[in-house]
Amino acid sequence: MENPKNHRREIVVEATATSIEKWRKQVIAGQPETGRMYAFISDEGNYIPGGEGTAPTPLTYFVSGMAL
């Protein structure tokens, strides 16, 4: 008899990043197996030369993910 605690489930998450302009980037990420992919856009604030603050910073997304 198998122990139900020994079952494993593989979760695959893929992400593709592209540069839009200056510090603005777009990432398409999600789980291809489910067909659910999402777009994220990030930008740096104007405290960095070229940053315009048009979207959350990459660090903001990272911290938000840790909070979830």
PDB file of N, CA and C in Angstrom:
ATOM      1  N   MET A   1       0.841  -1.179   0.000  1.00  0.00           N
ATOM      2  CA  MET A   1       0.000   0.000   0.000  1.00  0.00           C
ATOM      3  C   MET A   1       0.888   1.245   0.000  1.00  0.00           C
ATOM      4  N   GLU A   2       0.587   2.174  -0.910  1.00  0.00           N
ATOM      5  CA  GLU A   2       1.374   3.402  -1.012  1.00  0.00           C
ATOM      6  C   GLU A   2       0.970   4.392   0.065  1.00  0.00           C
ATOM      7  N   ASN A   3       1.967   5.101   0.556  1.00  0.00           N
ATOM      8  CA  ASN A   3       1.727   6.143   1.526  1.00  0.00           C
ATOM      9  C   ASN A   3       1.319   7.405   0.769  1.00  0.00           C
ATOM     10  N   PRO A   4       0.142   7.970   1.023  1.00  0.00           N
ATOM     11  CA  PRO A   4      -0.290   9.160   0.278  1.00  0.00           C
ATOM     12  C   PRO A   4       0.627  10.361   0.466  1.00  0.00           C
ATOM     13  N   LYS A   5       1.419  10.385   1.510  1.00  0.00           N
ATOM     14  CA  LYS A   5       2.345  11.486   1.735  1.00  0.00           C
ATOM     15  C   LYS A   5       3.524  11.443   0.766  1.00  0.00           C
ATOM     16  N   ASN A   6       3.719  10.316   0.089  1.00  0.00           N
ATOM     17  CA  ASN A   6       4.843  10.169  -0.825  1.00  0.00           C
ATOM     18  C   ASN A   6       4.528  10.616  -2.249  1.00  0.00           C
ATOM     19  N   HIS A   7       3.311  11.054  -2.509  1.00  0.00           N
ATOM     20  CA  HIS A   7       2.955  11.497  -3.855  1.00  0.00           C
ATOM     21  C   HIS A   7       3.599  12.845  -4.147  1.00  0.00           C
ATOM     22  N   ARG A   8       4.074  12.973  -5.358  1.00  0.00           N
ATOM     23  CA  ARG A   8       4.686  14.235  -5.777  1.00  0.00           C
ATOM     24  C   ARG A   8       3.901  14.804  -6.942  1.00  0.00           C
ATOM     25  N   ARG A   9       3.940  16.098  -7.024  1.00  0.00           N
ATOM     26  CA  ARG A   9       3.292  16.791  -8.127  1.00  0.00           C
ATOM     27  C   ARG A   9       4.280  17.795  -8.683  1.00  0.00           C
ATOM     28  N   GLU A  10       4.540  17.697  -9.951  1.00  0.00           N
ATOM     29  CA  GLU A  10       5.459  18.632 -10.590  1.00  0.00           C
ATOM     30  C   GLU A  10       4.686  19.842 -11.082  1.00  0.00           C
ATOM     31  N   ILE A  11       5.180  21.011 -10.750  1.00  0.00           N
ATOM     32  CA  ILE A  11       4.567  22.255 -11.206  1.00  0.00           C
ATOM     33  C   ILE A  11       5.603  22.976 -12.055  1.00  0.00           C
ATOM     34  N   VAL A  12       5.255  23.225 -13.307  1.00  0.00           N
ATOM     35  CA  VAL A  12       6.167  23.903 -14.228  1.00  0.00           C
ATOM     36  C   VAL A  12       5.673  25.329 -14.432  1.00  0.00           C
ATOM     37  N   VAL A  13       6.559  26.281 -14.208  1.00  0.00           N
ATOM     38  CA  VAL A  13       6.255  27.689 -14.456  1.00  0.00           C
ATOM     39  C   VAL A  13       7.322  28.208 -15.411  1.00  0.00           C
ATOM     40  N   GLU A  14       6.882  28.832 -16.487  1.00  0.00           N
ATOM     41  CA  GLU A  14       7.813  29.391 -17.471  1.00  0.00           C
ATOM     42  C   GLU A  14       7.648  30.901 -17.525  1.00  0.00           C
ATOM     43  N   ALA A  15       8.735  31.583 -17.864  1.00  0.00           N
ATOM     44  CA  ALA A  15       8.696  33.034 -18.005  1.00  0.00           C
ATOM     45  C   ALA A  15       9.611  33.454 -19.151  1.00  0.00           C
ATOM     46  N   THR A  16       9.132  34.386 -19.951  1.00  0.00           N
ATOM     47  CA  THR A  16       9.917  34.953 -21.044  1.00  0.00           C
ATOM     48  C   THR A  16       9.900  36.466 -20.887  1.00  0.00           C
ATOM     49  N   ALA A  17      11.077  37.064 -20.831  1.00  0.00           N
ATOM     50  CA  ALA A  17      11.183  38.511 -20.642  1.00  0.00           C
ATOM     51  C   ALA A  17      11.641  39.186 -21.927  1.00  0.00           C
ATOM     52  N   THR A  18      11.090  40.360 -22.174  1.00  0.00           N
ATOM     53  CA  THR A  18      11.526  41.178 -23.301  1.00  0.00           C
ATOM     54  C   THR A  18      11.665  42.620 -22.836  1.00  0.00           C
ATOM     55  N   SER A  19      12.562  43.323 -23.464  1.00  0.00           N
ATOM     56  CA  SER A  19      12.773  44.727 -23.158  1.00  0.00           C
ATOM     57  C   SER A  19      11.854  45.555 -24.040  1.00  0.00           C
ATOM     58  N   ILE A  20      11.127  46.480 -23.439  1.00  0.00           N
ATOM     59  CA  ILE A  20      10.229  47.347 -24.205  1.00  0.00           C
ATOM     60  C   ILE A  20      10.988  48.610 -24.609  1.00  0.00           C
ATOM     61  N   GLU A  21      11.444  49.369 -23.626  1.00  0.00           N
ATOM     62  CA  GLU A  21      12.276  50.552 -23.870  1.00  0.00           C
ATOM     63  C   GLU A  21      12.845  51.012 -22.542  1.00  0.00           C
ATOM     64  N   LYS A  22      13.998  51.606 -22.607  1.00  0.00           N
ATOM     65  CA  LYS A  22      14.695  52.077 -21.407  1.00  0.00           C
ATOM     66  C   LYS A  22      14.705  50.959 -20.367  1.00  0.00           C
ATOM     67  N   TRP A  23      14.170  51.206 -19.159  1.00  0.00           N
ATOM     68  CA  TRP A  23      14.155  50.193 -18.104  1.00  0.00           C
ATOM     69  C   TRP A  23      12.854  49.393 -18.088  1.00  0.00           C
ATOM     70  N   ARG A  24      11.923  49.695 -18.992  1.00  0.00           N
ATOM     71  CA  ARG A  24      10.639  49.009 -19.010  1.00  0.00           C
ATOM     72  C   ARG A  24      10.792  47.622 -19.635  1.00  0.00           C
ATOM     73  N   LYS A  25      10.291  46.620 -18.937  1.00  0.00           N
ATOM     74  CA  LYS A  25      10.372  45.226 -19.400  1.00  0.00           C
ATOM     75  C   LYS A  25       8.992  44.589 -19.327  1.00  0.00           C
ATOM     76  N   GLN A  26       8.790  43.562 -20.142  1.00  0.00           N
ATOM     77  CA  GLN A  26       7.557  42.774 -20.086  1.00  0.00           C
ATOM     78  C   GLN A  26       7.926  41.314 -19.907  1.00  0.00           C
ATOM     79  N   VAL A  27       7.203  40.652 -19.036  1.00  0.00           N
ATOM     80  CA  VAL A  27       7.381  39.218 -18.828  1.00  0.00           C
ATOM     81  C   VAL A  27       6.050  38.542 -19.068  1.00  0.00           C
ATOM     82  N   ILE A  28       6.081  37.467 -19.826  1.00  0.00           N
ATOM     83  CA  ILE A  28       4.924  36.589 -19.974  1.00  0.00           C
ATOM     84  C   ILE A  28       5.266  35.345 -19.166  1.00  0.00           C
ATOM     85  N   ALA A  29       4.459  35.064 -18.151  1.00  0.00           N
ATOM     86  CA  ALA A  29       4.770  33.964 -17.247  1.00  0.00           C
ATOM     87  C   ALA A  29       3.507  33.199 -16.893  1.00  0.00           C
ATOM     88  N   GLY A  30       3.704  31.943 -16.566  1.00  0.00           N
ATOM     89  CA  GLY A  30       2.571  31.130 -16.137  1.00  0.00           C
ATOM     90  C   GLY A  30       2.873  29.663 -16.267  1.00  0.00           C
ATOM     91  N   GLN A  31       1.810  28.884 -16.224  1.00  0.00           N
ATOM     92  CA  GLN A  31       1.910  27.438 -16.291  1.00  0.00           C
ATOM     93  C   GLN A  31       1.406  26.967 -17.652  1.00  0.00           C
ATOM     94  N   PRO A  32       2.333  26.617 -18.544  1.00  0.00           N
ATOM     95  CA  PRO A  32       1.929  26.232 -19.896  1.00  0.00           C
ATOM     96  C   PRO A  32       0.987  25.031 -19.927  1.00  0.00           C
ATOM     97  N   GLU A  33       1.105  24.147 -18.964  1.00  0.00           N
ATOM     98  CA  GLU A  33       0.253  22.953 -18.925  1.00  0.00           C
ATOM     99  C   GLU A  33      -1.223  23.322 -18.808  1.00  0.00           C
ATOM    100  N   THR A  34      -1.501  24.415 -18.094  1.00  0.00           N
ATOM    101  CA  THR A  34      -2.888  24.845 -17.904  1.00  0.00           C
ATOM    102  C   THR A  34      -3.329  25.846 -18.959  1.00  0.00           C
ATOM    103  N   GLY A  35      -2.361  26.399 -19.700  1.00  0.00           N
ATOM    104  CA  GLY A  35      -2.674  27.421 -20.685  1.00  0.00           C
ATOM    105  C   GLY A  35      -2.861  28.790 -20.074  1.00  0.00           C
ATOM    106  N   ARG A  36      -2.570  28.923 -18.798  1.00  0.00           N
ATOM    107  CA  ARG A  36      -2.728  30.213 -18.122  1.00  0.00           C
ATOM    108  C   ARG A  36      -1.394  30.949 -18.104  1.00  0.00           C
ATOM    109  N   MET A  37      -1.316  31.984 -18.906  1.00  0.00           N
ATOM    110  CA  MET A  37      -0.117  32.809 -18.981  1.00  0.00           C
ATOM    111  C   MET A  37      -0.542  34.253 -18.713  1.00  0.00           C
ATOM    112  N   TYR A  38       0.315  35.000 -18.047  1.00  0.00           N
ATOM    113  CA  TYR A  38      -0.010  36.358 -17.642  1.00  0.00           C
ATOM    114  C   TYR A  38       1.115  37.304 -18.041  1.00  0.00           C
ATOM    115  N   ALA A  39       0.760  38.544 -18.324  1.00  0.00           N
ATOM    116  CA  ALA A  39       1.748  39.553 -18.692  1.00  0.00           C
ATOM    117  C   ALA A  39       2.001  40.468 -17.494  1.00  0.00           C
ATOM    118  N   PHE A  40       3.269  40.725 -17.254  1.00  0.00           N
ATOM    119  CA  PHE A  40       3.697  41.659 -16.207  1.00  0.00           C
ATOM    120  C   PHE A  40       4.605  42.688 -16.864  1.00  0.00           C
ATOM    121  N   ILE A  41       4.410  43.933 -16.525  1.00  0.00           N
ATOM    122  CA  ILE A  41       5.300  44.984 -17.009  1.00  0.00           C
ATOM    123  C   ILE A  41       5.940  45.633 -15.793  1.00  0.00           C
ATOM    124  N   SER A  42       7.231  45.886 -15.878  1.00  0.00           N
ATOM    125  CA  SER A  42       7.933  46.550 -14.786  1.00  0.00           C
ATOM    126  C   SER A  42       8.737  47.726 -15.336  1.00  0.00           C
ATOM    127  N   ASP A  43       9.034  48.641 -14.451  1.00  0.00           N
ATOM    128  CA  ASP A  43       9.842  49.803 -14.794  1.00  0.00           C
ATOM    129  C   ASP A  43      10.541  50.244 -13.512  1.00  0.00           C
ATOM    130  N   GLU A  44      11.632  50.891 -13.642  1.00  0.00           N
ATOM    131  CA  GLU A  44      12.306  51.477 -12.484  1.00  0.00           C
ATOM    132  C   GLU A  44      11.793  52.901 -12.304  1.00  0.00           C
ATOM    133  N   GLY A  45      11.930  53.406 -11.105  1.00  0.00           N
ATOM    134  CA  GLY A  45      11.523  54.777 -10.836  1.00  0.00           C
ATOM    135  C   GLY A  45      12.515  55.766 -11.415  1.00  0.00           C
ATOM    136  N   ASN A  46      12.155  57.033 -11.390  1.00  0.00           N
ATOM    137  CA  ASN A  46      13.025  58.053 -11.973  1.00  0.00           C
ATOM    138  C   ASN A  46      14.280  58.304 -11.135  1.00  0.00           C
ATOM    139  N   TYR A  47      14.436  57.596 -10.033  1.00  0.00           N
ATOM    140  CA  TYR A  47      15.680  57.668  -9.253  1.00  0.00           C
ATOM    141  C   TYR A  47      16.820  56.952  -9.971  1.00  0.00           C
ATOM    142  N   ILE A  48      16.498  56.173 -11.000  1.00  0.00           N
ATOM    143  CA  ILE A  48      17.502  55.520 -11.843  1.00  0.00           C
ATOM    144  C   ILE A  48      17.435  56.201 -13.212  1.00  0.00           C
ATOM    145  N   PRO A  49      18.556  56.653 -13.752  1.00  0.00           N
ATOM    146  CA  PRO A  49      18.519  57.279 -15.077  1.00  0.00           C
ATOM    147  C   PRO A  49      17.846  56.368 -16.112  1.00  0.00           C
ATOM    148  N   GLY A  50      16.829  56.878 -16.767  1.00  0.00           N
ATOM    149  CA  GLY A  50      16.084  56.107 -17.762  1.00  0.00           C
ATOM    150  C   GLY A  50      14.809  55.500 -17.206  1.00  0.00           C
ATOM    151  N   GLY A  51      14.700  55.391 -15.879  1.00  0.00           N
ATOM    152  CA  GLY A  51      13.469  54.877 -15.274  1.00  0.00           C
ATOM    153  C   GLY A  51      12.389  55.948 -15.305  1.00  0.00           C
ATOM    154  N   GLU A  52      11.158  55.530 -15.548  1.00  0.00           N
ATOM    155  CA  GLU A  52      10.056  56.492 -15.640  1.00  0.00           C
ATOM    156  C   GLU A  52       8.951  56.232 -14.629  1.00  0.00           C
ATOM    157  N   GLY A  53       9.028  55.127 -13.888  1.00  0.00           N
ATOM    158  CA  GLY A  53       8.006  54.830 -12.887  1.00  0.00           C
ATOM    159  C   GLY A  53       6.636  54.538 -13.463  1.00  0.00           C
ATOM    160  N   THR A  54       6.582  53.964 -14.674  1.00  0.00           N
ATOM    161  CA  THR A  54       5.296  53.701 -15.326  1.00  0.00           C
ATOM    162  C   THR A  54       4.655  52.391 -14.887  1.00  0.00           C
ATOM    163  N   ALA A  55       5.384  51.590 -14.101  1.00  0.00           N
ATOM    164  CA  ALA A  55       4.891  50.280 -13.656  1.00  0.00           C
ATOM    165  C   ALA A  55       5.641  49.916 -12.373  1.00  0.00           C
ATOM    166  N   PRO A  56       5.177  48.907 -11.650  1.00  0.00           N
ATOM    167  CA  PRO A  56       5.909  48.473 -10.457  1.00  0.00           C
ATOM    168  C   PRO A  56       7.340  48.051 -10.809  1.00  0.00           C
ATOM    169  N   THR A  57       8.231  48.219  -9.848  1.00  0.00           N
ATOM    170  CA  THR A  57       9.616  47.784 -10.050  1.00  0.00           C
ATOM    171  C   THR A  57       9.700  46.259  -9.951  1.00  0.00           C
ATOM    172  N   PRO A  58      10.743  45.662 -10.506  1.00  0.00           N
ATOM    173  CA  PRO A  58      10.913  44.212 -10.346  1.00  0.00           C
ATOM    174  C   PRO A  58      10.949  43.805  -8.867  1.00  0.00           C
ATOM    175  N   LEU A  59      11.568  44.618  -8.021  1.00  0.00           N
ATOM    176  CA  LEU A  59      11.631  44.298  -6.601  1.00  0.00           C
ATOM    177  C   LEU A  59      10.236  44.314  -5.971  1.00  0.00           C
ATOM    178  N   THR A  60       9.372  45.190  -6.427  1.00  0.00           N
ATOM    179  CA  THR A  60       7.993  45.223  -5.928  1.00  0.00           C
ATOM    180  C   THR A  60       7.277  43.917  -6.240  1.00  0.00           C
ATOM    181  N   TYR A  61       7.453  43.405  -7.459  1.00  0.00           N
ATOM    182  CA  TYR A  61       6.838  42.108  -7.813  1.00  0.00           C
ATOM    183  C   TYR A  61       7.423  40.991  -6.943  1.00  0.00           C
ATOM    184  N   PHE A  62       8.730  41.009  -6.735  1.00  0.00           N
ATOM    185  CA  PHE A  62       9.365  39.959  -5.937  1.00  0.00           C
ATOM    186  C   PHE A  62       8.822  39.964  -4.503  1.00  0.00           C
ATOM    187  N   VAL A  63       8.806  41.120  -3.881  1.00  0.00           N
ATOM    188  CA  VAL A  63       8.325  41.214  -2.500  1.00  0.00           C
ATOM    189  C   VAL A  63       6.849  40.823  -2.405  1.00  0.00           C
ATOM    190  N   SER A  64       6.062  41.233  -3.384  1.00  0.00           N
ATOM    191  CA  SER A  64       4.643  40.857  -3.397  1.00  0.00           C
ATOM    192  C   SER A  64       4.464  39.350  -3.476  1.00  0.00           C
ATOM    193  N   GLY A  65       5.271  38.712  -4.315  1.00  0.00           N
ATOM    194  CA  GLY A  65       5.211  37.259  -4.427  1.00  0.00           C
ATOM    195  C   GLY A  65       5.578  36.564  -3.131  1.00  0.00           C
ATOM    196  N   MET A  66       6.555  37.107  -2.421  1.00  0.00           N
ATOM    197  CA  MET A  66       6.941  36.518  -1.133  1.00  0.00           C
ATOM    198  C   MET A  66       5.819  36.679  -0.108  1.00  0.00           C
ATOM    199  N   ALA A  67       5.078  37.770  -0.193  1.00  0.00           N
ATOM    200  CA  ALA A  67       3.993  38.017   0.766  1.00  0.00           C
ATOM    201  C   ALA A  67       2.801  37.081   0.533  1.00  0.00           C
ATOM    202  N   LEU A  68       2.677  36.603  -0.704  1.00  0.00           N
ATOM    203  CA  LEU A  68       1.552  35.712  -0.998  1.00  0.00           C
ATOM    204  C   LEU A  68       1.851  34.353  -0.431  1.00  0.00           C
TER     205      LEU A  68
END
